[in-house]
């Protein structure tokens, strides 16, 4: 029997938190439980942004993730984090600002300062963590100054020394492992995206990775000079940019075999779109009571994010089709979206 829409919000929230828990466990945060399989590459920026919203419902998850960031926040691409947040409707800006301030101060990482500055309009600070039953916030005791500065009331997190570096043997961690090897830049995402598909245009890579098309185009021009990135046109001369938006780029997997075994290549997943879809649907369920209006808003959210999902996940993971409306749409999504999240 399908999950009823009245239970949809709780089912969806539990499925997202379970996925976040598994991904942070795989990265080395001090959490115990089932880790994600190595079939999919973890996107740490999308993971963090999703945690800024759903992590308020699970204090242990949020605080273990925060402790991991204090130790290994240098591996996070702050500019990409900002891009995904501003362009994909993913994450809570005030929570992200508080996290950035905390990581900057406790992890001695100045680069996080660019995200720590959030304008406040003078509203009264509110409790940070939410209860599971009615989503109301609670707080007791003295507040952490970094969170208080961004309008949140919560006790100072305990910096427990349980966070570990991303295990290099886990293929799901390959993005962070590659950053640790060659540096935090768009080149890591470009390499992995090209390794997980036959070829791609610069615009496709920009959409998949969260960088601007112009930035990707410029970086590809430099990477072509290495002889390890190839295109369907002759290699440009030194000092000349890459021309032609229709130009396709590719890599030869045999030249990158050190990243993973030949028969165990993980997939690049559109995690930002998956989490943004989940966040949008969850917010609609929390704020809209009328079934017709809820169906309309959920449909808009689906149509916004499905184009980014279709290439890597496909509509097959949803029972949704464009003819669905009302109760039929909500009932189908109430079953399929939590199931998809638990299977990833």
C-alpha atoms as a PDB file:
ATOM      1  CA  UNK A   1       0.000   0.000   0.000  1.00  0.00           C
ATOM      2  CA  UNK A   2       1.519   3.367  -1.005  1.00  0.00           C
ATOM      3  CA  UNK A   3       2.579   5.790   1.679  1.00  0.00           C
ATOM      4  CA  UNK A   4      -0.239   8.275   2.234  1.00  0.00           C
ATOM      5  CA  UNK A   5       0.544  11.949   1.569  1.00  0.00           C
ATOM      6  CA  UNK A   6      -0.251  12.700   5.229  1.00  0.00           C
ATOM      7  CA  UNK A   7       2.880  10.708   6.179  1.00  0.00           C
ATOM      8  CA  UNK A   8       4.922  11.922   3.232  1.00  0.00           C
ATOM      9  CA  UNK A   9       6.806  14.692   5.068  1.00  0.00           C
ATOM     10  CA  UNK A  10       8.037  12.359   7.825  1.00  0.00           C
ATOM     11  CA  UNK A  11       8.969   9.606   5.368  1.00  0.00           C
ATOM     12  CA  UNK A  12      10.866  12.006   3.129  1.00  0.00           C
ATOM     13  CA  UNK A  13      12.679  13.657   6.033  1.00  0.00           C
ATOM     14  CA  UNK A  14      13.750  10.293   7.447  1.00  0.00           C
ATOM     15  CA  UNK A  15      14.988   9.098   4.047  1.00  0.00           C
ATOM     16  CA  UNK A  16      17.069  12.248   3.448  1.00  0.00           C
ATOM     17  CA  UNK A  17      18.599  12.141   6.938  1.00  0.00           C
ATOM     18  CA  UNK A  18      19.463   8.462   6.443  1.00  0.00           C
ATOM     19  CA  UNK A  19      21.226   9.304   3.172  1.00  0.00           C
ATOM     20  CA  UNK A  20      23.096  12.227   4.759  1.00  0.00           C
ATOM     21  CA  UNK A  21      24.115  10.000   7.668  1.00  0.00           C
ATOM     22  CA  UNK A  22      25.481   7.345   5.270  1.00  0.00           C
ATOM     23  CA  UNK A  23      27.423   9.839   3.174  1.00  0.00           C
ATOM     24  CA  UNK A  24      29.018  11.581   6.165  1.00  0.00           C
ATOM     25  CA  UNK A  25      29.910   8.155   7.569  1.00  0.00           C
ATOM     26  CA  UNK A  26      31.648   7.314   4.306  1.00  0.00           C
ATOM     27  CA  UNK A  27      33.623  10.586   4.424  1.00  0.00           C
ATOM     28  CA  UNK A  28      34.930   9.762   7.897  1.00  0.00           C
ATOM     29  CA  UNK A  29      32.669  11.746  10.229  1.00  0.00           C
ATOM     30  CA  UNK A  30      32.325  10.166  13.670  1.00  0.00           C
ATOM     31  CA  UNK A  31      29.094   8.370  12.853  1.00  0.00           C
ATOM     32  CA  UNK A  32      28.362   4.668  12.994  1.00  0.00           C
ATOM     33  CA  UNK A  33      26.115   2.845  10.594  1.00  0.00           C
ATOM     34  CA  UNK A  34      25.688   1.693   7.047  1.00  0.00           C
ATOM     35  CA  UNK A  35      27.800   3.687   4.602  1.00  0.00           C
ATOM     36  CA  UNK A  36      26.830   4.461   1.031  1.00  0.00           C
ATOM     37  CA  UNK A  37      27.923   1.983  -1.657  1.00  0.00           C
ATOM     38  CA  UNK A  38      30.852   2.830  -3.891  1.00  0.00           C
ATOM     39  CA  UNK A  39      28.619   3.002  -6.958  1.00  0.00           C
ATOM     40  CA  UNK A  40      28.207   6.795  -6.691  1.00  0.00           C
ATOM     41  CA  UNK A  41      30.724   9.598  -6.131  1.00  0.00           C
ATOM     42  CA  UNK A  42      29.880  11.726  -3.088  1.00  0.00           C
ATOM     43  CA  UNK A  43      29.524  15.454  -3.732  1.00  0.00           C
ATOM     44  CA  UNK A  44      30.733  17.076  -0.472  1.00  0.00           C
ATOM     45  CA  UNK A  45      29.405  20.555  -1.300  1.00  0.00           C
ATOM     46  CA  UNK A  46      25.894  19.287  -2.084  1.00  0.00           C
ATOM     47  CA  UNK A  47      26.070  17.104   1.029  1.00  0.00           C
ATOM     48  CA  UNK A  48      26.928  20.064   3.240  1.00  0.00           C
ATOM     49  CA  UNK A  49      24.186  22.258   1.766  1.00  0.00           C
ATOM     50  CA  UNK A  50      21.582  19.543   2.334  1.00  0.00           C
ATOM     51  CA  UNK A  51      22.840  19.196   5.906  1.00  0.00           C
ATOM     52  CA  UNK A  52      22.219  22.910   6.551  1.00  0.00           C
ATOM     53  CA  UNK A  53      18.498  22.224   6.191  1.00  0.00           C
ATOM     54  CA  UNK A  54      17.850  18.612   7.185  1.00  0.00           C
ATOM     55  CA  UNK A  55      20.623  18.552   9.803  1.00  0.00           C
ATOM     56  CA  UNK A  56      18.516  20.762  12.067  1.00  0.00           C
ATOM     57  CA  UNK A  57      16.358  17.673  12.659  1.00  0.00           C
ATOM     58  CA  UNK A  58      19.293  15.525  13.864  1.00  0.00           C
ATOM     59  CA  UNK A  59      21.765  17.146  16.258  1.00  0.00           C
ATOM     60  CA  UNK A  60      24.263  14.302  16.256  1.00  0.00           C
ATOM     61  CA  UNK A  61      24.410  14.231  12.457  1.00  0.00           C
ATOM     62  CA  UNK A  62      24.877  17.990  12.288  1.00  0.00           C
ATOM     63  CA  UNK A  63      27.534  18.183  14.989  1.00  0.00           C
ATOM     64  CA  UNK A  64      29.581  15.248  13.676  1.00  0.00           C
ATOM     65  CA  UNK A  65      29.516  16.820  10.210  1.00  0.00           C
ATOM     66  CA  UNK A  66      30.590  20.132  11.736  1.00  0.00           C
ATOM     67  CA  UNK A  67      33.470  18.446  13.587  1.00  0.00           C
ATOM     68  CA  UNK A  68      34.597  16.820  10.340  1.00  0.00           C
ATOM     69  CA  UNK A  69      34.579  20.183   8.580  1.00  0.00           C
ATOM     70  CA  UNK A  70      36.722  21.735  11.306  1.00  0.00           C
ATOM     71  CA  UNK A  71      39.413  19.122  10.618  1.00  0.00           C
ATOM     72  CA  UNK A  72      39.066  18.664   6.851  1.00  0.00           C
ATOM     73  CA  UNK A  73      37.305  21.803   5.649  1.00  0.00           C
ATOM     74  CA  UNK A  74      40.360  22.619   3.542  1.00  0.00           C
ATOM     75  CA  UNK A  75      39.138  19.921   1.119  1.00  0.00           C
ATOM     76  CA  UNK A  76      35.852  21.736   0.525  1.00  0.00           C
ATOM     77  CA  UNK A  77      35.632  24.011  -2.501  1.00  0.00           C
ATOM     78  CA  UNK A  78      34.112  27.134  -0.958  1.00  0.00           C
ATOM     79  CA  UNK A  79      33.508  28.840  -4.318  1.00  0.00           C
ATOM     80  CA  UNK A  80      31.676  25.792  -5.649  1.00  0.00           C
ATOM     81  CA  UNK A  81      29.701  25.627  -2.415  1.00  0.00           C
ATOM     82  CA  UNK A  82      28.633  29.216  -2.997  1.00  0.00           C
ATOM     83  CA  UNK A  83      27.761  28.510  -6.638  1.00  0.00           C
ATOM     84  CA  UNK A  84      25.581  25.502  -5.812  1.00  0.00           C
ATOM     85  CA  UNK A  85      23.824  27.414  -3.055  1.00  0.00           C
ATOM     86  CA  UNK A  86      23.060  30.501  -5.125  1.00  0.00           C
ATOM     87  CA  UNK A  87      22.207  28.710  -8.354  1.00  0.00           C
ATOM     88  CA  UNK A  88      20.398  25.607  -7.187  1.00  0.00           C
ATOM     89  CA  UNK A  89      18.062  26.686  -4.351  1.00  0.00           C
ATOM     90  CA  UNK A  90      19.831  24.267  -2.046  1.00  0.00           C
ATOM     91  CA  UNK A  91      20.675  24.945   1.588  1.00  0.00           C
ATOM     92  CA  UNK A  92      19.788  27.518   4.243  1.00  0.00           C
ATOM     93  CA  UNK A  93      21.876  30.720   3.936  1.00  0.00           C
ATOM     94  CA  UNK A  94      21.820  31.578   7.651  1.00  0.00           C
ATOM     95  CA  UNK A  95      22.813  28.058   8.662  1.00  0.00           C
ATOM     96  CA  UNK A  96      25.534  28.019   6.013  1.00  0.00           C
ATOM     97  CA  UNK A  97      26.826  31.350   7.321  1.00  0.00           C
ATOM     98  CA  UNK A  98      26.976  30.022  10.877  1.00  0.00           C
ATOM     99  CA  UNK A  99      28.744  26.854   9.751  1.00  0.00           C
ATOM    100  CA  UNK A 100      31.249  28.882   7.739  1.00  0.00           C
ATOM    101  CA  UNK A 101      31.989  31.172  10.682  1.00  0.00           C
ATOM    102  CA  UNK A 102      32.447  28.216  13.016  1.00  0.00           C
ATOM    103  CA  UNK A 103      34.729  26.331  10.603  1.00  0.00           C
ATOM    104  CA  UNK A 104      36.738  29.474   9.880  1.00  0.00           C
ATOM    105  CA  UNK A 105      37.350  30.178  13.568  1.00  0.00           C
ATOM    106  CA  UNK A 106      37.777  26.648  14.925  1.00  0.00           C
ATOM    107  CA  UNK A 107      39.481  25.124  11.905  1.00  0.00           C
ATOM    108  CA  UNK A 108      41.740  28.129  11.249  1.00  0.00           C
ATOM    109  CA  UNK A 109      40.532  28.245   7.647  1.00  0.00           C
ATOM    110  CA  UNK A 110      40.272  31.863   6.418  1.00  0.00           C
ATOM    111  CA  UNK A 111      38.787  30.902   3.041  1.00  0.00           C
ATOM    112  CA  UNK A 112      35.475  30.105   4.757  1.00  0.00           C
ATOM    113  CA  UNK A 113      35.119  33.764   5.716  1.00  0.00           C
ATOM    114  CA  UNK A 114      33.541  34.584   2.341  1.00  0.00           C
ATOM    115  CA  UNK A 115      30.468  32.549   3.372  1.00  0.00           C
ATOM    116  CA  UNK A 116      30.385  33.709   6.987  1.00  0.00           C
ATOM    117  CA  UNK A 117      29.081  37.200   6.243  1.00  0.00           C
ATOM    118  CA  UNK A 118      25.278  37.175   6.276  1.00  0.00           C
ATOM    119  CA  UNK A 119      23.167  40.297   6.642  1.00  0.00           C
ATOM    120  CA  UNK A 120      20.644  40.172   9.468  1.00  0.00           C
ATOM    121  CA  UNK A 121      17.588  42.349   9.765  1.00  0.00           C
ATOM    122  CA  UNK A 122      17.529  42.401  13.568  1.00  0.00           C
ATOM    123  CA  UNK A 123      15.047  39.594  14.204  1.00  0.00           C
ATOM    124  CA  UNK A 124      15.137  37.881  17.566  1.00  0.00           C
ATOM    125  CA  UNK A 125      17.447  34.803  17.559  1.00  0.00           C
ATOM    126  CA  UNK A 126      15.595  31.492  17.340  1.00  0.00           C
ATOM    127  CA  UNK A 127      16.415  27.974  18.576  1.00  0.00           C
ATOM    128  CA  UNK A 128      18.432  26.015  16.036  1.00  0.00           C
ATOM    129  CA  UNK A 129      17.496  22.353  16.425  1.00  0.00           C
ATOM    130  CA  UNK A 130      13.990  21.113  15.637  1.00  0.00           C
ATOM    131  CA  UNK A 131      12.016  18.393  17.376  1.00  0.00           C
ATOM    132  CA  UNK A 132      11.029  15.374  15.319  1.00  0.00           C
ATOM    133  CA  UNK A 133       7.293  15.447  16.020  1.00  0.00           C
ATOM    134  CA  UNK A 134       6.120  18.986  15.374  1.00  0.00           C
ATOM    135  CA  UNK A 135       9.238  20.621  13.894  1.00  0.00           C
ATOM    136  CA  UNK A 136       9.281  23.169  16.715  1.00  0.00           C
ATOM    137  CA  UNK A 137      12.654  24.473  17.878  1.00  0.00           C
ATOM    138  CA  UNK A 138      14.057  24.163  21.377  1.00  0.00           C
ATOM    139  CA  UNK A 139      17.093  25.602  23.160  1.00  0.00           C
ATOM    140  CA  UNK A 140      18.605  25.635  26.621  1.00  0.00           C
ATOM    141  CA  UNK A 141      21.836  27.053  27.975  1.00  0.00           C
ATOM    142  CA  UNK A 142      24.405  29.499  26.660  1.00  0.00           C
ATOM    143  CA  UNK A 143      24.611  29.952  22.885  1.00  0.00           C
ATOM    144  CA  UNK A 144      27.618  29.438  20.643  1.00  0.00           C
ATOM    145  CA  UNK A 145      28.802  32.900  19.497  1.00  0.00           C
ATOM    146  CA  UNK A 146      29.248  31.966  15.818  1.00  0.00           C
ATOM    147  CA  UNK A 147      25.711  30.630  15.563  1.00  0.00           C
ATOM    148  CA  UNK A 148      24.284  33.446  17.685  1.00  0.00           C
ATOM    149  CA  UNK A 149      25.812  36.017  15.320  1.00  0.00           C
ATOM    150  CA  UNK A 150      23.725  34.462  12.548  1.00  0.00           C
ATOM    151  CA  UNK A 151      20.518  34.412  14.551  1.00  0.00           C
ATOM    152  CA  UNK A 152      20.644  30.893  16.006  1.00  0.00           C
ATOM    153  CA  UNK A 153      20.422  29.701  19.589  1.00  0.00           C
ATOM    154  CA  UNK A 154      22.373  26.537  20.276  1.00  0.00           C
ATOM    155  CA  UNK A 155      24.991  25.309  22.721  1.00  0.00           C
ATOM    156  CA  UNK A 156      28.617  25.264  21.638  1.00  0.00           C
ATOM    157  CA  UNK A 157      29.297  22.047  19.690  1.00  0.00           C
ATOM    158  CA  UNK A 158      31.628  19.581  21.335  1.00  0.00           C
ATOM    159  CA  UNK A 159      34.709  19.120  19.151  1.00  0.00           C
ATOM    160  CA  UNK A 160      35.136  15.389  19.643  1.00  0.00           C
ATOM    161  CA  UNK A 161      38.263  13.899  18.010  1.00  0.00           C
ATOM    162  CA  UNK A 162      36.301  11.246  16.121  1.00  0.00           C
ATOM    163  CA  UNK A 163      36.473  12.713  12.632  1.00  0.00           C
ATOM    164  CA  UNK A 164      38.745  10.781  10.297  1.00  0.00           C
ATOM    165  CA  UNK A 165      40.065  11.674   6.826  1.00  0.00           C
ATOM    166  CA  UNK A 166      38.115  10.300   3.855  1.00  0.00           C
ATOM    167  CA  UNK A 167      39.207   6.646   3.478  1.00  0.00           C
ATOM    168  CA  UNK A 168      41.065   6.542   0.132  1.00  0.00           C
ATOM    169  CA  UNK A 169      39.993   2.946  -0.507  1.00  0.00           C
ATOM    170  CA  UNK A 170      36.357   4.022  -0.754  1.00  0.00           C
ATOM    171  CA  UNK A 171      35.562   4.865  -4.383  1.00  0.00           C
ATOM    172  CA  UNK A 172      32.686   7.076  -3.251  1.00  0.00           C
ATOM    173  CA  UNK A 173      35.358   9.414  -1.810  1.00  0.00           C
ATOM    174  CA  UNK A 174      37.297   9.749  -5.040  1.00  0.00           C
ATOM    175  CA  UNK A 175      36.508  13.469  -5.462  1.00  0.00           C
ATOM    176  CA  UNK A 176      37.996  14.382  -2.086  1.00  0.00           C
ATOM    177  CA  UNK A 177      40.886  11.979  -2.630  1.00  0.00           C
ATOM    178  CA  UNK A 178      41.675  13.652  -5.947  1.00  0.00           C
ATOM    179  CA  UNK A 179      41.492  17.097  -4.331  1.00  0.00           C
ATOM    180  CA  UNK A 180      43.928  15.939  -1.667  1.00  0.00           C
ATOM    181  CA  UNK A 181      46.293  14.835  -4.437  1.00  0.00           C
ATOM    182  CA  UNK A 182      46.194  17.692  -6.947  1.00  0.00           C
ATOM    183  CA  UNK A 183      44.400  20.522  -5.117  1.00  0.00           C
ATOM    184  CA  UNK A 184      40.895  21.926  -4.669  1.00  0.00           C
ATOM    185  CA  UNK A 185      39.800  23.192  -8.080  1.00  0.00           C
ATOM    186  CA  UNK A 186      37.300  22.561 -10.858  1.00  0.00           C
ATOM    187  CA  UNK A 187      39.848  20.273 -12.545  1.00  0.00           C
ATOM    188  CA  UNK A 188      38.903  17.491 -10.138  1.00  0.00           C
ATOM    189  CA  UNK A 189      35.214  17.615 -11.077  1.00  0.00           C
ATOM    190  CA  UNK A 190      36.065  17.895 -14.779  1.00  0.00           C
ATOM    191  CA  UNK A 191      38.273  14.816 -14.671  1.00  0.00           C
ATOM    192  CA  UNK A 192      35.713  12.719 -12.815  1.00  0.00           C
ATOM    193  CA  UNK A 193      32.800  13.837 -14.990  1.00  0.00           C
ATOM    194  CA  UNK A 194      34.726  12.983 -18.140  1.00  0.00           C
ATOM    195  CA  UNK A 195      35.729   9.609 -16.709  1.00  0.00           C
ATOM    196  CA  UNK A 196      32.095   8.714 -16.074  1.00  0.00           C
ATOM    197  CA  UNK A 197      30.819   9.433 -19.606  1.00  0.00           C
ATOM    198  CA  UNK A 198      32.095   9.023 -23.181  1.00  0.00           C
ATOM    199  CA  UNK A 199      32.462  12.771 -23.759  1.00  0.00           C
ATOM    200  CA  UNK A 200      30.895  16.117 -22.821  1.00  0.00           C
ATOM    201  CA  UNK A 201      30.679  19.730 -23.959  1.00  0.00           C
ATOM    202  CA  UNK A 202      31.866  22.568 -21.755  1.00  0.00           C
ATOM    203  CA  UNK A 203      28.266  23.649 -21.075  1.00  0.00           C
ATOM    204  CA  UNK A 204      27.352  20.124 -19.965  1.00  0.00           C
ATOM    205  CA  UNK A 205      30.323  20.004 -17.614  1.00  0.00           C
ATOM    206  CA  UNK A 206      29.370  23.384 -16.169  1.00  0.00           C
ATOM    207  CA  UNK A 207      25.833  22.193 -15.454  1.00  0.00           C
ATOM    208  CA  UNK A 208      27.058  18.943 -13.910  1.00  0.00           C
ATOM    209  CA  UNK A 209      29.744  20.504 -11.717  1.00  0.00           C
ATOM    210  CA  UNK A 210      28.279  23.845 -10.611  1.00  0.00           C
ATOM    211  CA  UNK A 211      30.851  26.128 -12.214  1.00  0.00           C
ATOM    212  CA  UNK A 212      30.257  28.818 -14.842  1.00  0.00           C
ATOM    213  CA  UNK A 213      30.501  27.752 -18.502  1.00  0.00           C
ATOM    214  CA  UNK A 214      33.171  30.382 -19.177  1.00  0.00           C
ATOM    215  CA  UNK A 215      35.298  29.127 -16.285  1.00  0.00           C
ATOM    216  CA  UNK A 216      34.997  25.525 -17.446  1.00  0.00           C
ATOM    217  CA  UNK A 217      35.817  26.519 -21.025  1.00  0.00           C
ATOM    218  CA  UNK A 218      38.981  28.328 -19.925  1.00  0.00           C
ATOM    219  CA  UNK A 219      40.097  25.482 -17.671  1.00  0.00           C
ATOM    220  CA  UNK A 220      39.522  22.907 -20.413  1.00  0.00           C
ATOM    221  CA  UNK A 221      41.751  24.948 -22.718  1.00  0.00           C
ATOM    222  CA  UNK A 222      44.576  24.648 -20.199  1.00  0.00           C
ATOM    223  CA  UNK A 223      43.926  20.963 -19.524  1.00  0.00           C
ATOM    224  CA  UNK A 224      44.104  20.142 -23.232  1.00  0.00           C
ATOM    225  CA  UNK A 225      47.754  21.220 -23.200  1.00  0.00           C
ATOM    226  CA  UNK A 226      48.540  18.368 -20.797  1.00  0.00           C
ATOM    227  CA  UNK A 227      47.760  15.704 -23.365  1.00  0.00           C
ATOM    228  CA  UNK A 228      45.576  13.895 -20.808  1.00  0.00           C
ATOM    229  CA  UNK A 229      42.349  15.651 -21.805  1.00  0.00           C
ATOM    230  CA  UNK A 230      41.320  15.345 -25.448  1.00  0.00           C
ATOM    231  CA  UNK A 231      38.731  16.830 -27.778  1.00  0.00           C
ATOM    232  CA  UNK A 232      37.175  16.151 -31.151  1.00  0.00           C
ATOM    233  CA  UNK A 233      39.122  19.116 -32.596  1.00  0.00           C
ATOM    234  CA  UNK A 234      42.894  19.686 -32.847  1.00  0.00           C
ATOM    235  CA  UNK A 235      44.642  20.760 -29.655  1.00  0.00           C
ATOM    236  CA  UNK A 236      44.856  24.570 -29.403  1.00  0.00           C
ATOM    237  CA  UNK A 237      48.156  26.368 -29.596  1.00  0.00           C
ATOM    238  CA  UNK A 238      49.612  27.793 -26.400  1.00  0.00           C
ATOM    239  CA  UNK A 239      47.921  31.060 -25.471  1.00  0.00           C
ATOM    240  CA  UNK A 240      44.797  30.430 -27.502  1.00  0.00           C
ATOM    241  CA  UNK A 241      41.498  29.545 -25.904  1.00  0.00           C
ATOM    242  CA  UNK A 242      39.171  26.681 -26.663  1.00  0.00           C
ATOM    243  CA  UNK A 243      36.767  27.609 -29.417  1.00  0.00           C
ATOM    244  CA  UNK A 244      33.354  26.242 -30.261  1.00  0.00           C
ATOM    245  CA  UNK A 245      30.673  25.528 -27.655  1.00  0.00           C
ATOM    246  CA  UNK A 246      29.803  22.343 -29.573  1.00  0.00           C
ATOM    247  CA  UNK A 247      33.290  20.970 -29.081  1.00  0.00           C
ATOM    248  CA  UNK A 248      33.303  17.698 -27.138  1.00  0.00           C
ATOM    249  CA  UNK A 249      35.953  16.709 -24.601  1.00  0.00           C
ATOM    250  CA  UNK A 250      36.966  13.300 -23.323  1.00  0.00           C
ATOM    251  CA  UNK A 251      39.655  11.393 -21.449  1.00  0.00           C
ATOM    252  CA  UNK A 252      41.118   7.936 -21.939  1.00  0.00           C
ATOM    253  CA  UNK A 253      40.231   5.835 -18.868  1.00  0.00           C
ATOM    254  CA  UNK A 254      43.415   3.784 -19.142  1.00  0.00           C
ATOM    255  CA  UNK A 255      45.445   6.924 -18.399  1.00  0.00           C
ATOM    256  CA  UNK A 256      43.558   7.453 -15.114  1.00  0.00           C
ATOM    257  CA  UNK A 257      43.387   3.881 -13.884  1.00  0.00           C
ATOM    258  CA  UNK A 258      45.056   4.796 -10.593  1.00  0.00           C
ATOM    259  CA  UNK A 259      41.787   6.435  -9.489  1.00  0.00           C
ATOM    260  CA  UNK A 260      39.757   3.208  -9.485  1.00  0.00           C
ATOM    261  CA  UNK A 261      39.848  -0.392 -10.781  1.00  0.00           C
ATOM    262  CA  UNK A 262      38.790  -0.945 -14.366  1.00  0.00           C
ATOM    263  CA  UNK A 263      35.640  -2.875 -13.418  1.00  0.00           C
ATOM    264  CA  UNK A 264      34.476  -0.662 -10.531  1.00  0.00           C
ATOM    265  CA  UNK A 265      34.015   2.809 -11.993  1.00  0.00           C
ATOM    266  CA  UNK A 266      31.591   4.855  -9.823  1.00  0.00           C
ATOM    267  CA  UNK A 267      29.021   7.212 -11.341  1.00  0.00           C
ATOM    268  CA  UNK A 268      28.858  10.987 -11.144  1.00  0.00           C
ATOM    269  CA  UNK A 269      25.459  11.719  -9.625  1.00  0.00           C
ATOM    270  CA  UNK A 270      23.592  15.057  -9.709  1.00  0.00           C
ATOM    271  CA  UNK A 271      23.470  15.209  -5.918  1.00  0.00           C
ATOM    272  CA  UNK A 272      22.750  18.930  -5.833  1.00  0.00           C
ATOM    273  CA  UNK A 273      19.583  18.387  -7.885  1.00  0.00           C
ATOM    274  CA  UNK A 274      18.559  15.346  -5.826  1.00  0.00           C
ATOM    275  CA  UNK A 275      18.923  17.221  -2.542  1.00  0.00           C
ATOM    276  CA  UNK A 276      17.345  20.403  -3.922  1.00  0.00           C
ATOM    277  CA  UNK A 277      14.325  18.411  -5.109  1.00  0.00           C
ATOM    278  CA  UNK A 278      14.006  16.783  -1.694  1.00  0.00           C
ATOM    279  CA  UNK A 279      14.343  20.142   0.062  1.00  0.00           C
ATOM    280  CA  UNK A 280      11.769  21.822  -2.173  1.00  0.00           C
ATOM    281  CA  UNK A 281       9.219  19.050  -1.726  1.00  0.00           C
ATOM    282  CA  UNK A 282       9.830  18.932   2.036  1.00  0.00           C
ATOM    283  CA  UNK A 283       9.317  22.697   2.365  1.00  0.00           C
ATOM    284  CA  UNK A 284       6.098  22.509   0.360  1.00  0.00           C
ATOM    285  CA  UNK A 285       4.776  19.723   2.588  1.00  0.00           C
ATOM    286  CA  UNK A 286       5.617  21.795   5.682  1.00  0.00           C
ATOM    287  CA  UNK A 287       3.951  25.002   4.545  1.00  0.00           C
ATOM    288  CA  UNK A 288       1.013  24.124   2.252  1.00  0.00           C
ATOM    289  CA  UNK A 289      -2.124  22.464   3.632  1.00  0.00           C
ATOM    290  CA  UNK A 290      -4.421  22.566   0.618  1.00  0.00           C
ATOM    291  CA  UNK A 291      -3.980  19.430  -1.491  1.00  0.00           C
ATOM    292  CA  UNK A 292      -4.510  21.182  -4.824  1.00  0.00           C
ATOM    293  CA  UNK A 293      -2.019  23.951  -4.064  1.00  0.00           C
ATOM    294  CA  UNK A 294       0.424  21.376  -2.680  1.00  0.00           C
ATOM    295  CA  UNK A 295       0.178  19.306  -5.846  1.00  0.00           C
ATOM    296  CA  UNK A 296       0.824  22.385  -7.997  1.00  0.00           C
ATOM    297  CA  UNK A 297       3.903  23.406  -5.992  1.00  0.00           C
ATOM    298  CA  UNK A 298       5.302  19.866  -5.911  1.00  0.00           C
ATOM    299  CA  UNK A 299       4.804  19.586  -9.669  1.00  0.00           C
ATOM    300  CA  UNK A 300       6.696  22.870 -10.197  1.00  0.00           C
ATOM    301  CA  UNK A 301       9.550  21.600  -8.045  1.00  0.00           C
ATOM    302  CA  UNK A 302       9.706  18.346  -9.982  1.00  0.00           C
ATOM    303  CA  UNK A 303       9.716  20.079 -13.348  1.00  0.00           C
ATOM    304  CA  UNK A 304      12.510  22.378 -12.161  1.00  0.00           C
ATOM    305  CA  UNK A 305      14.892  19.614 -11.117  1.00  0.00           C
ATOM    306  CA  UNK A 306      14.004  16.612 -13.282  1.00  0.00           C
ATOM    307  CA  UNK A 307      16.035  17.844 -16.304  1.00  0.00           C
ATOM    308  CA  UNK A 308      19.196  17.656 -14.168  1.00  0.00           C
ATOM    309  CA  UNK A 309      18.201  14.268 -12.813  1.00  0.00           C
ATOM    310  CA  UNK A 310      17.177  12.568 -16.034  1.00  0.00           C
ATOM    311  CA  UNK A 311      20.680  12.176 -17.477  1.00  0.00           C
ATOM    312  CA  UNK A 312      22.061  10.196 -14.541  1.00  0.00           C
ATOM    313  CA  UNK A 313      19.057   8.828 -12.675  1.00  0.00           C
ATOM    314  CA  UNK A 314      16.213   8.963 -15.163  1.00  0.00           C
ATOM    315  CA  UNK A 315      12.478   9.174 -14.602  1.00  0.00           C
ATOM    316  CA  UNK A 316      12.556   5.412 -13.989  1.00  0.00           C
ATOM    317  CA  UNK A 317      13.365   6.175 -10.349  1.00  0.00           C
ATOM    318  CA  UNK A 318      10.101   8.088 -10.109  1.00  0.00           C
ATOM    319  CA  UNK A 319       6.602   6.961 -10.874  1.00  0.00           C
ATOM    320  CA  UNK A 320       6.033  10.523 -12.062  1.00  0.00           C
ATOM    321  CA  UNK A 321       4.874  11.494 -15.516  1.00  0.00           C
ATOM    322  CA  UNK A 322       3.726  14.828 -16.892  1.00  0.00           C
ATOM    323  CA  UNK A 323       0.035  13.822 -16.814  1.00  0.00           C
ATOM    324  CA  UNK A 324      -0.047  13.310 -13.046  1.00  0.00           C
ATOM    325  CA  UNK A 325      -1.892  15.816 -10.863  1.00  0.00           C
ATOM    326  CA  UNK A 326      -3.511  16.048  -7.445  1.00  0.00           C
ATOM    327  CA  UNK A 327      -3.767  12.992  -5.211  1.00  0.00           C
ATOM    328  CA  UNK A 328      -2.280  10.706  -7.853  1.00  0.00           C
ATOM    329  CA  UNK A 329       0.862  12.828  -8.113  1.00  0.00           C
ATOM    330  CA  UNK A 330       1.309  13.118  -4.348  1.00  0.00           C
ATOM    331  CA  UNK A 331       0.706   9.419  -3.708  1.00  0.00           C
ATOM    332  CA  UNK A 332       3.155   8.381  -6.407  1.00  0.00           C
ATOM    333  CA  UNK A 333       5.879  10.728  -5.230  1.00  0.00           C
ATOM    334  CA  UNK A 334       5.277   9.825  -1.590  1.00  0.00           C
ATOM    335  CA  UNK A 335       6.274   6.271  -2.461  1.00  0.00           C
ATOM    336  CA  UNK A 336       8.966   6.828  -5.073  1.00  0.00           C
ATOM    337  CA  UNK A 337      11.053   9.712  -3.717  1.00  0.00           C
ATOM    338  CA  UNK A 338      11.835   8.213  -0.266  1.00  0.00           C
ATOM    339  CA  UNK A 339      12.486   4.846  -1.922  1.00  0.00           C
ATOM    340  CA  UNK A 340      14.942   6.383  -4.366  1.00  0.00           C
ATOM    341  CA  UNK A 341      16.816   8.162  -1.581  1.00  0.00           C
ATOM    342  CA  UNK A 342      17.141   4.989   0.470  1.00  0.00           C
ATOM    343  CA  UNK A 343      18.440   3.024  -2.517  1.00  0.00           C
ATOM    344  CA  UNK A 344      21.169   5.537  -3.440  1.00  0.00           C
END
